[in-house]
C-alpha cells in the first residue's frame, strides 16, 4: 500500500489565481482531452487503491512548476 499526494485538477479554474493551465502539450504521454487546471492550493493524499487508471505523465518542467506553486502558497500562508 502506498499513500500518494495529489493536487486537485479541474476543467474550471474557479477564479483561482494560483491555477495552472494544463493542455496536451504539457504531457509526456497521455492527455486529459480538454484544457484543465491544476489548483496547487488544493493538496490531498489518497491510498493508491483508489486510483482507477493513469491518464498520462506530465513533463518534468510542468511538475516542477506545480511544486514551485505549492511552495509559494505555503510560504505565503506562513509569513
Foldseek 3Di string as FASTA:
>chain_A
DDKDKDFDKAQDPVPQPLWDWDAPVQFPDAGPPHIMTTRLVHMDIDDPVPDDDDRGHGDPVVVVSSVVSNVVVVVVVVD
